[in-house]
Amino acid sequence: MLHIIKTTISQDRVIQCVNAALDRKAKDLVILKVKEISSFTDFFIICSGTSDRQVKAIADHVAKKLKTAGILPLGIEGENGGNWILMDYGDVVIHIFYEPTREFYDIERLWSNVPTMAIGDDITEISSLTDEMHHPE
């Protein structure tokens, strides 16, 4: 019997963004489901690059992959610096950090009470998030 997991448009977009970031070796990737407590987005994706060049490469690749799929950002901030690039796709907001900057701001702590999904650095692609999302204890 074929088992099909139905995903929402937001979940599909998260998967596209995550896989694009993983294409460029994003590190310490975490998905936060903030829909229940946020009025401005459904999901945060937070990841790191080991240099400002890698941060920019991750952001460029995500933008390119989503544009190819017909999805344009509402806005992108921080492209010039490469320390923290924020990409707003409406229902999905991506934070791409240079590692020391991420440690300094520690924004995951601010959202520590929402369901999360951590993607191991050895993962190269995901196909769903429904089963893997868990609520913090």
N, C-alpha and C. Protein backbone atom coordinates (compact mmCIF):
# COMPACT_ATOMS: atom_id res chain seq x y z
N MET A 1 0.83 -1.18 0.00
CA MET A 1 0.00 0.00 0.00
C MET A 1 0.88 1.25 0.00
N LEU A 2 0.57 2.17 -0.88
CA LEU A 2 1.31 3.41 -0.98
C LEU A 2 0.83 4.38 0.08
N HIS A 3 1.77 4.92 0.87
CA HIS A 3 1.43 5.88 1.93
C HIS A 3 1.87 7.27 1.48
N ILE A 4 0.92 8.17 1.33
CA ILE A 4 1.21 9.53 0.89
C ILE A 4 0.96 10.50 2.04
N ILE A 5 1.96 11.31 2.31
CA ILE A 5 1.81 12.34 3.33
C ILE A 5 1.48 13.64 2.63
N LYS A 6 0.33 14.20 2.99
CA LYS A 6 -0.08 15.47 2.39
C LYS A 6 0.66 16.61 3.08
N THR A 7 1.24 17.50 2.28
CA THR A 7 1.93 18.65 2.85
C THR A 7 1.22 19.93 2.44
N THR A 8 1.41 20.95 3.24
CA THR A 8 0.85 22.25 2.91
C THR A 8 1.79 22.98 1.97
N ILE A 9 1.31 24.06 1.39
CA ILE A 9 2.16 24.89 0.54
C ILE A 9 3.35 25.42 1.35
N SER A 10 3.09 25.82 2.61
CA SER A 10 4.18 26.31 3.47
C SER A 10 5.22 25.22 3.70
N GLN A 11 4.77 24.00 3.98
CA GLN A 11 5.70 22.91 4.21
C GLN A 11 6.52 22.60 2.95
N ASP A 12 5.86 22.63 1.80
CA ASP A 12 6.58 22.42 0.54
C ASP A 12 7.66 23.49 0.34
N ARG A 13 7.32 24.72 0.66
CA ARG A 13 8.28 25.82 0.52
C ARG A 13 9.45 25.64 1.49
N VAL A 14 9.15 25.20 2.72
CA VAL A 14 10.22 24.93 3.69
C VAL A 14 11.17 23.88 3.12
N ILE A 15 10.61 22.80 2.59
CA ILE A 15 11.44 21.72 2.03
C ILE A 15 12.31 22.25 0.89
N GLN A 16 11.74 23.07 0.01
CA GLN A 16 12.52 23.66 -1.09
C GLN A 16 13.66 24.52 -0.55
N CYS A 17 13.38 25.35 0.43
CA CYS A 17 14.39 26.24 1.00
C CYS A 17 15.49 25.44 1.70
N VAL A 18 15.09 24.47 2.49
CA VAL A 18 16.06 23.64 3.21
C VAL A 18 16.97 22.92 2.24
N ASN A 19 16.39 22.30 1.22
CA ASN A 19 17.20 21.54 0.27
C ASN A 19 18.15 22.44 -0.52
N ALA A 20 17.71 23.64 -0.83
CA ALA A 20 18.60 24.59 -1.52
C ALA A 20 19.76 24.99 -0.60
N ALA A 21 19.46 25.24 0.67
CA ALA A 21 20.52 25.59 1.63
C ALA A 21 21.49 24.42 1.80
N LEU A 22 20.96 23.21 1.86
CA LEU A 22 21.81 22.03 2.00
C LEU A 22 22.70 21.82 0.78
N ASP A 23 22.20 22.23 -0.40
CA ASP A 23 23.02 22.15 -1.62
C ASP A 23 24.33 22.91 -1.46
N ARG A 24 24.32 23.97 -0.65
CA ARG A 24 25.50 24.81 -0.44
C ARG A 24 26.13 24.56 0.93
N LYS A 25 25.85 23.38 1.48
CA LYS A 25 26.50 22.91 2.72
C LYS A 25 26.20 23.77 3.94
N ALA A 26 24.96 24.27 4.04
CA ALA A 26 24.56 25.01 5.24
C ALA A 26 24.75 24.12 6.46
N LYS A 27 25.18 24.70 7.55
CA LYS A 27 25.46 23.98 8.79
C LYS A 27 24.40 24.27 9.85
N ASP A 28 24.26 23.32 10.77
CA ASP A 28 23.43 23.50 11.97
C ASP A 28 22.04 24.03 11.60
N LEU A 29 21.41 23.40 10.62
CA LEU A 29 20.13 23.87 10.10
C LEU A 29 18.99 23.42 11.03
N VAL A 30 18.12 24.36 11.36
CA VAL A 30 16.98 24.11 12.24
C VAL A 30 15.74 24.74 11.61
N ILE A 31 14.64 23.99 11.68
CA ILE A 31 13.35 24.50 11.22
C ILE A 31 12.50 24.73 12.47
N LEU A 32 11.91 25.91 12.59
CA LEU A 32 11.04 26.24 13.70
C LEU A 32 9.64 26.48 13.17
N LYS A 33 8.66 25.80 13.72
CA LYS A 33 7.27 26.01 13.33
C LYS A 33 6.68 27.05 14.28
N VAL A 34 6.60 28.29 13.81
CA VAL A 34 6.17 29.41 14.65
C VAL A 34 4.73 29.84 14.37
N LYS A 35 4.06 29.11 13.52
CA LYS A 35 2.71 29.47 13.06
C LYS A 35 1.74 29.75 14.20
N GLU A 36 1.80 28.96 15.25
CA GLU A 36 0.83 29.09 16.35
C GLU A 36 1.04 30.34 17.20
N ILE A 37 2.26 30.91 17.16
CA ILE A 37 2.52 32.07 18.02
C ILE A 37 2.99 33.30 17.24
N SER A 38 3.03 33.20 15.93
CA SER A 38 3.49 34.31 15.10
C SER A 38 2.38 34.78 14.17
N SER A 39 2.28 36.08 14.01
CA SER A 39 1.28 36.62 13.09
C SER A 39 1.87 36.92 11.72
N PHE A 40 3.20 36.77 11.57
CA PHE A 40 3.83 37.19 10.32
C PHE A 40 4.43 36.06 9.49
N THR A 41 4.55 34.86 10.02
CA THR A 41 5.10 33.75 9.24
C THR A 41 4.71 32.43 9.88
N ASP A 42 4.86 31.35 9.12
CA ASP A 42 4.56 30.01 9.64
C ASP A 42 5.82 29.29 10.11
N PHE A 43 6.93 29.49 9.39
CA PHE A 43 8.17 28.78 9.69
C PHE A 43 9.37 29.71 9.63
N PHE A 44 10.33 29.45 10.52
CA PHE A 44 11.67 30.00 10.43
C PHE A 44 12.60 28.86 10.02
N ILE A 45 13.53 29.17 9.16
CA ILE A 45 14.64 28.27 8.89
C ILE A 45 15.88 29.03 9.33
N ILE A 46 16.70 28.42 10.17
CA ILE A 46 17.91 29.05 10.65
C ILE A 46 19.07 28.12 10.30
N CYS A 47 20.10 28.70 9.68
CA CYS A 47 21.28 27.90 9.35
C CYS A 47 22.52 28.79 9.37
N SER A 48 23.67 28.15 9.26
CA SER A 48 24.94 28.87 9.35
C SER A 48 25.85 28.54 8.18
N GLY A 49 26.73 29.48 7.90
CA GLY A 49 27.84 29.28 6.98
C GLY A 49 29.13 29.53 7.73
N THR A 50 30.20 28.93 7.26
CA THR A 50 31.49 29.05 7.95
C THR A 50 32.28 30.30 7.54
N SER A 51 31.76 31.04 6.56
CA SER A 51 32.40 32.29 6.13
C SER A 51 31.32 33.20 5.55
N ASP A 52 31.65 34.49 5.40
CA ASP A 52 30.68 35.40 4.80
C ASP A 52 30.41 35.01 3.35
N ARG A 53 31.41 34.47 2.67
CA ARG A 53 31.21 34.02 1.28
C ARG A 53 30.22 32.85 1.21
N GLN A 54 30.34 31.92 2.15
CA GLN A 54 29.41 30.79 2.15
C GLN A 54 28.00 31.27 2.49
N VAL A 55 27.87 32.19 3.43
CA VAL A 55 26.55 32.74 3.79
C VAL A 55 25.90 33.33 2.53
N LYS A 56 26.66 34.12 1.78
CA LYS A 56 26.13 34.72 0.56
C LYS A 56 25.81 33.65 -0.49
N ALA A 57 26.64 32.63 -0.60
CA ALA A 57 26.41 31.56 -1.57
C ALA A 57 25.13 30.79 -1.23
N ILE A 58 24.89 30.54 0.05
CA ILE A 58 23.66 29.86 0.46
C ILE A 58 22.45 30.71 0.08
N ALA A 59 22.49 31.99 0.42
CA ALA A 59 21.37 32.89 0.11
C ALA A 59 21.13 32.99 -1.39
N ASP A 60 22.20 33.15 -2.16
CA ASP A 60 22.06 33.24 -3.62
C ASP A 60 21.44 31.98 -4.20
N HIS A 61 21.86 30.84 -3.70
CA HIS A 61 21.35 29.57 -4.22
C HIS A 61 19.87 29.38 -3.85
N VAL A 62 19.50 29.72 -2.61
CA VAL A 62 18.09 29.62 -2.20
C VAL A 62 17.24 30.52 -3.10
N ALA A 63 17.67 31.77 -3.30
CA ALA A 63 16.91 32.70 -4.14
C ALA A 63 16.78 32.18 -5.56
N LYS A 64 17.87 31.64 -6.10
CA LYS A 64 17.85 31.13 -7.48
C LYS A 64 16.91 29.93 -7.61
N LYS A 65 17.00 28.98 -6.67
CA LYS A 65 16.16 27.78 -6.73
C LYS A 65 14.67 28.14 -6.61
N LEU A 66 14.34 29.05 -5.69
CA LEU A 66 12.95 29.42 -5.52
C LEU A 66 12.45 30.24 -6.70
N LYS A 67 13.28 31.10 -7.25
CA LYS A 67 12.89 31.88 -8.43
C LYS A 67 12.58 30.95 -9.60
N THR A 68 13.41 29.91 -9.76
CA THR A 68 13.17 28.91 -10.82
C THR A 68 11.81 28.24 -10.62
N ALA A 69 11.39 28.09 -9.37
CA ALA A 69 10.09 27.49 -9.06
C ALA A 69 8.96 28.53 -9.09
N GLY A 70 9.29 29.77 -9.46
CA GLY A 70 8.28 30.82 -9.55
C GLY A 70 7.97 31.51 -8.24
N ILE A 71 8.87 31.37 -7.26
CA ILE A 71 8.64 31.95 -5.93
C ILE A 71 9.65 33.07 -5.71
N LEU A 72 9.14 34.27 -5.50
CA LEU A 72 10.01 35.43 -5.28
C LEU A 72 9.90 35.89 -3.83
N PRO A 73 10.99 36.40 -3.25
CA PRO A 73 10.94 36.87 -1.86
C PRO A 73 10.17 38.17 -1.74
N LEU A 74 9.57 38.37 -0.57
CA LEU A 74 8.97 39.67 -0.26
C LEU A 74 10.07 40.67 0.03
N GLY A 75 11.20 40.16 0.54
CA GLY A 75 12.34 41.02 0.83
C GLY A 75 13.54 40.20 1.25
N ILE A 76 14.72 40.79 1.05
CA ILE A 76 15.97 40.19 1.49
C ILE A 76 16.79 41.29 2.15
N GLU A 77 17.28 41.01 3.35
CA GLU A 77 18.08 41.98 4.10
C GLU A 77 19.46 41.40 4.40
N GLY A 78 20.47 42.24 4.42
CA GLY A 78 21.80 41.85 4.85
C GLY A 78 22.69 41.22 3.80
N GLU A 79 22.31 41.31 2.54
CA GLU A 79 23.08 40.67 1.47
C GLU A 79 24.51 41.21 1.37
N ASN A 80 24.70 42.46 1.62
CA ASN A 80 26.03 43.06 1.45
C ASN A 80 27.03 42.61 2.49
N GLY A 81 26.58 42.43 3.73
CA GLY A 81 27.51 42.10 4.81
C GLY A 81 27.92 40.64 4.89
N GLY A 82 26.99 39.74 4.71
CA GLY A 82 27.30 38.32 4.80
C GLY A 82 27.41 37.79 6.22
N ASN A 83 27.00 38.58 7.22
CA ASN A 83 26.98 38.10 8.60
C ASN A 83 25.63 37.50 8.98
N TRP A 84 24.55 38.11 8.45
CA TRP A 84 23.21 37.63 8.74
C TRP A 84 22.33 38.06 7.57
N ILE A 85 21.91 37.11 6.78
CA ILE A 85 21.02 37.41 5.66
C ILE A 85 19.64 36.86 6.01
N LEU A 86 18.65 37.73 5.93
CA LEU A 86 17.27 37.35 6.20
C LEU A 86 16.51 37.37 4.88
N MET A 87 15.86 36.26 4.58
CA MET A 87 15.08 36.13 3.34
C MET A 87 13.62 35.88 3.73
N ASP A 88 12.74 36.79 3.34
CA ASP A 88 11.33 36.71 3.71
C ASP A 88 10.51 36.22 2.52
N TYR A 89 9.98 35.02 2.65
CA TYR A 89 9.10 34.45 1.63
C TYR A 89 7.66 34.38 2.12
N GLY A 90 7.29 35.26 3.04
CA GLY A 90 5.93 35.30 3.56
C GLY A 90 5.70 34.24 4.62
N ASP A 91 5.34 33.04 4.20
CA ASP A 91 5.07 31.97 5.15
C ASP A 91 6.33 31.27 5.65
N VAL A 92 7.46 31.59 5.04
CA VAL A 92 8.75 31.03 5.45
C VAL A 92 9.78 32.18 5.49
N VAL A 93 10.46 32.31 6.62
CA VAL A 93 11.52 33.30 6.77
C VAL A 93 12.82 32.54 7.04
N ILE A 94 13.84 32.83 6.26
CA ILE A 94 15.12 32.14 6.37
C ILE A 94 16.16 33.09 6.96
N HIS A 95 16.84 32.62 8.00
CA HIS A 95 17.94 33.35 8.62
C HIS A 95 19.22 32.57 8.30
N ILE A 96 20.12 33.19 7.56
CA ILE A 96 21.39 32.56 7.23
C ILE A 96 22.49 33.36 7.92
N PHE A 97 23.17 32.73 8.85
CA PHE A 97 24.15 33.41 9.69
C PHE A 97 25.57 32.97 9.41
N TYR A 98 26.51 33.89 9.57
CA TYR A 98 27.90 33.53 9.77
C TYR A 98 27.96 32.99 11.20
N GLU A 99 28.62 31.86 11.41
CA GLU A 99 28.56 31.14 12.70
C GLU A 99 28.73 32.01 13.95
N PRO A 100 29.76 32.88 14.05
CA PRO A 100 29.90 33.69 15.27
C PRO A 100 28.73 34.66 15.48
N THR A 101 28.16 35.16 14.40
CA THR A 101 27.03 36.07 14.52
C THR A 101 25.81 35.32 15.05
N ARG A 102 25.61 34.10 14.59
CA ARG A 102 24.49 33.29 15.08
C ARG A 102 24.63 33.02 16.58
N GLU A 103 25.83 32.68 17.00
CA GLU A 103 26.06 32.44 18.43
C GLU A 103 25.76 33.69 19.25
N PHE A 104 26.15 34.85 18.75
CA PHE A 104 25.95 36.11 19.47
C PHE A 104 24.46 36.41 19.65
N TYR A 105 23.66 36.29 18.58
CA TYR A 105 22.24 36.65 18.66
C TYR A 105 21.37 35.55 19.23
N ASP A 106 21.75 34.29 19.04
CA ASP A 106 21.06 33.14 19.64
C ASP A 106 19.53 33.25 19.52
N ILE A 107 19.04 33.50 18.30
CA ILE A 107 17.60 33.72 18.15
C ILE A 107 16.77 32.46 18.39
N GLU A 108 17.38 31.28 18.29
CA GLU A 108 16.63 30.06 18.60
C GLU A 108 16.10 30.08 20.04
N ARG A 109 16.87 30.68 20.93
CA ARG A 109 16.47 30.77 22.34
C ARG A 109 15.16 31.55 22.49
N LEU A 110 14.98 32.56 21.65
CA LEU A 110 13.76 33.37 21.72
C LEU A 110 12.52 32.58 21.31
N TRP A 111 12.72 31.53 20.52
CA TRP A 111 11.62 30.72 20.00
C TRP A 111 11.72 29.28 20.52
N SER A 112 12.22 29.11 21.73
CA SER A 112 12.52 27.78 22.25
C SER A 112 11.28 26.95 22.59
N ASN A 113 10.11 27.56 22.57
CA ASN A 113 8.89 26.84 22.95
C ASN A 113 8.07 26.36 21.75
N VAL A 114 8.63 26.38 20.56
CA VAL A 114 7.89 25.96 19.36
C VAL A 114 8.40 24.63 18.84
N PRO A 115 7.58 23.90 18.08
CA PRO A 115 8.06 22.65 17.48
C PRO A 115 9.25 22.91 16.57
N THR A 116 10.24 22.03 16.65
CA THR A 116 11.47 22.20 15.88
C THR A 116 11.85 20.92 15.16
N MET A 117 12.69 21.09 14.18
CA MET A 117 13.29 19.97 13.47
C MET A 117 14.73 20.35 13.16
N ALA A 118 15.66 19.63 13.75
CA ALA A 118 17.08 19.87 13.49
C ALA A 118 17.52 18.95 12.36
N ILE A 119 18.27 19.51 11.42
CA ILE A 119 18.78 18.75 10.28
C ILE A 119 20.28 18.54 10.51
N GLY A 120 20.70 17.31 10.61
CA GLY A 120 22.11 17.00 10.83
C GLY A 120 22.98 17.47 9.68
N ASP A 121 24.21 17.81 9.99
CA ASP A 121 25.14 18.30 8.97
C ASP A 121 25.47 17.24 7.93
N ASP A 122 25.17 15.98 8.21
CA ASP A 122 25.42 14.91 7.25
C ASP A 122 24.26 14.69 6.29
N ILE A 123 23.14 15.39 6.51
CA ILE A 123 21.94 15.25 5.65
C ILE A 123 22.14 16.13 4.41
N THR A 124 21.80 15.59 3.24
CA THR A 124 21.96 16.36 2.00
C THR A 124 20.62 16.76 1.40
N GLU A 125 19.52 16.16 1.89
CA GLU A 125 18.19 16.48 1.36
C GLU A 125 17.13 15.95 2.30
N ILE A 126 16.01 16.68 2.40
CA ILE A 126 14.86 16.18 3.15
C ILE A 126 13.68 16.07 2.20
N SER A 127 12.72 15.21 2.55
CA SER A 127 11.54 15.06 1.70
C SER A 127 10.25 15.41 2.44
N SER A 128 10.32 15.53 3.77
CA SER A 128 9.13 15.90 4.53
C SER A 128 9.54 16.46 5.88
N LEU A 129 8.59 17.08 6.57
CA LEU A 129 8.85 17.50 7.93
C LEU A 129 7.79 17.06 8.89
N THR A 130 6.68 16.63 8.43
CA THR A 130 5.55 16.30 9.29
C THR A 130 5.94 15.32 10.40
N ASP A 131 6.58 14.23 10.05
CA ASP A 131 6.90 13.22 11.04
C ASP A 131 8.05 13.62 11.95
N GLU A 132 8.93 14.48 11.48
CA GLU A 132 10.12 14.80 12.25
C GLU A 132 9.95 15.98 13.20
N MET A 133 8.94 16.82 12.97
CA MET A 133 8.76 17.98 13.84
C MET A 133 8.41 17.50 15.24
N HIS A 134 9.06 18.02 16.25
CA HIS A 134 8.74 17.64 17.62
C HIS A 134 8.61 18.89 18.48
N HIS A 135 7.85 18.74 19.53
CA HIS A 135 7.62 19.85 20.44
C HIS A 135 8.65 19.78 21.56
N PRO A 136 9.30 20.89 21.92
CA PRO A 136 10.26 20.85 23.01
C PRO A 136 9.58 20.48 24.33
N GLU A 137 10.34 19.89 25.21
CA GLU A 137 9.76 19.45 26.49
C GLU A 137 9.92 20.49 27.55
